[in-house]
N, C-alpha and C. Protein backbone atom coordinates (compact mmCIF):
# COMPACT_ATOMS: atom_id res chain seq x y z
N MET A 1 0.59 -1.32 0.25
CA MET A 1 -0.07 0.22 0.24
C MET A 1 0.91 1.46 0.07
N SER A 2 0.66 2.36 -1.01
CA SER A 2 1.17 3.62 -0.88
C SER A 2 0.87 4.46 0.17
N VAL A 3 1.44 5.43 0.58
CA VAL A 3 1.46 6.83 1.49
C VAL A 3 0.73 7.67 0.74
N VAL A 4 -0.18 7.95 1.19
CA VAL A 4 -0.94 9.15 0.65
C VAL A 4 -0.66 10.56 1.21
N PRO A 5 0.42 11.09 0.48
CA PRO A 5 0.78 13.02 0.63
C PRO A 5 -0.23 13.23 1.79
N PHE A 6 0.50 13.93 2.77
CA PHE A 6 -0.78 14.35 3.69
C PHE A 6 -1.48 16.04 2.90
N SER A 7 -1.00 16.55 2.22
CA SER A 7 -2.14 17.44 1.54
C SER A 7 -2.93 16.74 0.51
N ARG A 8 -3.02 15.76 0.36
CA ARG A 8 -4.12 14.88 -0.53
C ARG A 8 -5.31 14.23 0.46
N VAL A 9 -4.87 14.41 2.14
CA VAL A 9 -5.95 13.78 2.82
C VAL A 9 -6.99 14.74 2.97
N HIS A 10 -8.03 14.33 3.53
CA HIS A 10 -9.41 15.08 3.43
C HIS A 10 -9.90 15.21 4.99
N THR A 11 -9.82 16.10 5.83
CA THR A 11 -10.67 15.89 6.96
C THR A 11 -11.69 16.71 7.20
N HIS A 12 -12.52 16.54 7.89
CA HIS A 12 -13.98 16.78 8.26
C HIS A 12 -14.36 16.79 9.58
N THR A 13 -14.88 17.90 10.31
CA THR A 13 -14.92 17.97 11.36
C THR A 13 -16.39 17.79 11.88
N ILE A 14 -17.09 17.01 12.29
CA ILE A 14 -18.01 16.61 12.79
C ILE A 14 -18.61 16.89 14.20
N THR A 15 -19.85 17.80 14.92
CA THR A 15 -20.22 18.12 15.90
C THR A 15 -21.59 17.16 15.90
N VAL A 16 -21.31 16.56 17.21
CA VAL A 16 -22.22 15.65 17.40
C VAL A 16 -23.44 16.56 18.51
N GLN A 17 -24.94 16.40 17.63
CA GLN A 17 -25.73 17.20 18.30
C GLN A 17 -26.29 16.08 19.25
N PRO A 18 -27.19 16.93 20.32
CA PRO A 18 -28.34 16.01 21.19
C PRO A 18 -28.83 15.27 20.54
N GLU A 19 -29.65 15.99 19.19
CA GLU A 19 -30.58 14.70 18.90
C GLU A 19 -29.83 13.73 18.18
N ASP A 20 -28.73 13.60 18.30
CA ASP A 20 -27.97 12.47 17.31
C ASP A 20 -27.67 11.41 18.65
N ILE A 21 -28.16 11.59 20.01
CA ILE A 21 -27.72 10.66 20.90
C ILE A 21 -29.00 10.11 21.36
N ASP A 22 -29.38 8.69 21.41
CA ASP A 22 -30.45 8.05 21.72
C ASP A 22 -30.64 7.69 23.09
N GLU A 23 -31.43 6.96 23.70
CA GLU A 23 -32.22 7.38 25.09
C GLU A 23 -30.96 6.40 25.73
N LEU A 24 -30.43 5.54 25.36
CA LEU A 24 -28.95 4.70 25.66
C LEU A 24 -27.86 5.69 25.62
N GLU A 25 -27.68 7.27 25.26
CA GLU A 25 -26.48 7.96 25.29
C GLU A 25 -25.75 7.56 24.61
N HIS A 26 -26.13 6.68 23.44
CA HIS A 26 -25.09 6.41 22.43
C HIS A 26 -25.57 7.22 21.06
N VAL A 27 -24.57 7.44 20.53
CA VAL A 27 -24.40 8.25 18.81
C VAL A 27 -25.65 7.59 17.87
N ASN A 28 -26.79 7.61 17.79
CA ASN A 28 -27.62 7.04 16.82
C ASN A 28 -27.05 6.21 15.50
N ASN A 29 -27.43 5.05 15.16
CA ASN A 29 -27.06 4.35 13.86
C ASN A 29 -27.06 5.68 12.46
N VAL A 30 -28.27 6.02 12.83
CA VAL A 30 -29.02 6.64 11.57
C VAL A 30 -27.77 8.00 11.32
N ALA A 31 -27.67 8.69 12.77
CA ALA A 31 -26.65 9.51 12.45
C ALA A 31 -25.36 9.69 12.19
N TYR A 32 -24.19 8.28 12.02
CA TYR A 32 -23.59 7.88 11.68
C TYR A 32 -23.46 8.04 10.10
N VAL A 33 -24.78 7.25 9.34
CA VAL A 33 -24.92 7.15 7.97
C VAL A 33 -24.72 8.79 7.58
N ARG A 34 -25.73 9.51 8.20
CA ARG A 34 -25.77 10.73 8.27
C ARG A 34 -24.37 11.46 7.93
N TYR A 35 -23.35 11.02 8.84
CA TYR A 35 -22.21 11.94 8.89
C TYR A 35 -21.17 11.56 7.64
N ILE A 36 -21.78 10.04 7.17
CA ILE A 36 -20.61 9.49 6.22
C ILE A 36 -21.05 10.21 5.17
N GLU A 37 -22.49 10.23 4.76
CA GLU A 37 -23.19 11.32 3.62
C GLU A 37 -22.33 12.84 3.46
N ASP A 38 -22.50 13.16 4.86
CA ASP A 38 -22.02 14.61 4.53
C ASP A 38 -20.48 14.65 4.05
N ILE A 39 -19.72 13.47 4.85
CA ILE A 39 -17.95 13.76 4.56
C ILE A 39 -17.97 13.57 3.03
N ALA A 40 -18.65 12.25 2.52
CA ALA A 40 -18.48 12.17 1.46
C ALA A 40 -18.59 13.32 0.53
N ARG A 41 -19.71 13.45 0.53
CA ARG A 41 -20.12 15.34 -0.23
C ARG A 41 -19.06 16.00 0.13
N ALA A 42 -18.71 16.41 1.03
CA ALA A 42 -17.50 17.67 1.38
C ALA A 42 -16.54 17.13 0.64
N HIS A 43 -16.18 16.30 0.57
CA HIS A 43 -15.13 15.62 0.06
C HIS A 43 -14.89 15.86 -1.54
N ALA A 44 -16.15 15.22 -2.13
CA ALA A 44 -16.50 15.07 -3.35
C ALA A 44 -16.43 16.93 -4.17
N GLU A 45 -16.80 17.60 -3.10
CA GLU A 45 -16.60 18.94 -3.46
C GLU A 45 -15.08 19.57 -3.45
N SER A 46 -14.41 19.29 -2.33
CA SER A 46 -13.44 19.76 -2.60
C SER A 46 -12.17 19.02 -3.34
N ALA A 47 -12.73 18.32 -3.74
CA ALA A 47 -11.74 17.74 -5.08
C ALA A 47 -12.33 17.83 -6.47
N GLY A 48 -13.53 19.13 -6.64
CA GLY A 48 -14.02 19.37 -7.67
C GLY A 48 -15.09 18.40 -8.63
N MET A 49 -15.39 17.43 -7.77
CA MET A 49 -16.39 16.45 -8.17
C MET A 49 -17.83 16.83 -7.41
N GLY A 50 -18.20 17.70 -6.92
CA GLY A 50 -19.41 17.85 -6.53
C GLY A 50 -20.26 17.90 -7.62
N ILE A 51 -21.76 17.79 -6.99
CA ILE A 51 -22.86 17.93 -7.72
C ILE A 51 -22.95 19.10 -8.51
N HIS A 52 -22.52 20.08 -8.24
CA HIS A 52 -22.20 21.54 -9.33
C HIS A 52 -21.11 20.99 -10.50
N ALA A 53 -20.24 20.49 -10.25
CA ALA A 53 -19.71 19.77 -11.53
C ALA A 53 -20.12 18.71 -12.26
N MET A 54 -21.23 18.18 -11.77
CA MET A 54 -21.66 17.10 -12.38
C MET A 54 -22.49 17.78 -13.16
N THR A 55 -22.85 18.98 -13.10
CA THR A 55 -23.97 19.57 -14.24
C THR A 55 -23.63 20.34 -15.03
């Protein structure tokens, strides 16, 4: 496996909201999926492959 140059690493900060916490005080699984979708969208945008680039 090759090493990815740090300049090409995508980072994205997520802040867990109170509504993402279930009655057992864990982050709800649906919230994790939403985070993944948000990160994927942000990554595509930063790479110039967002929805606006597709139209």
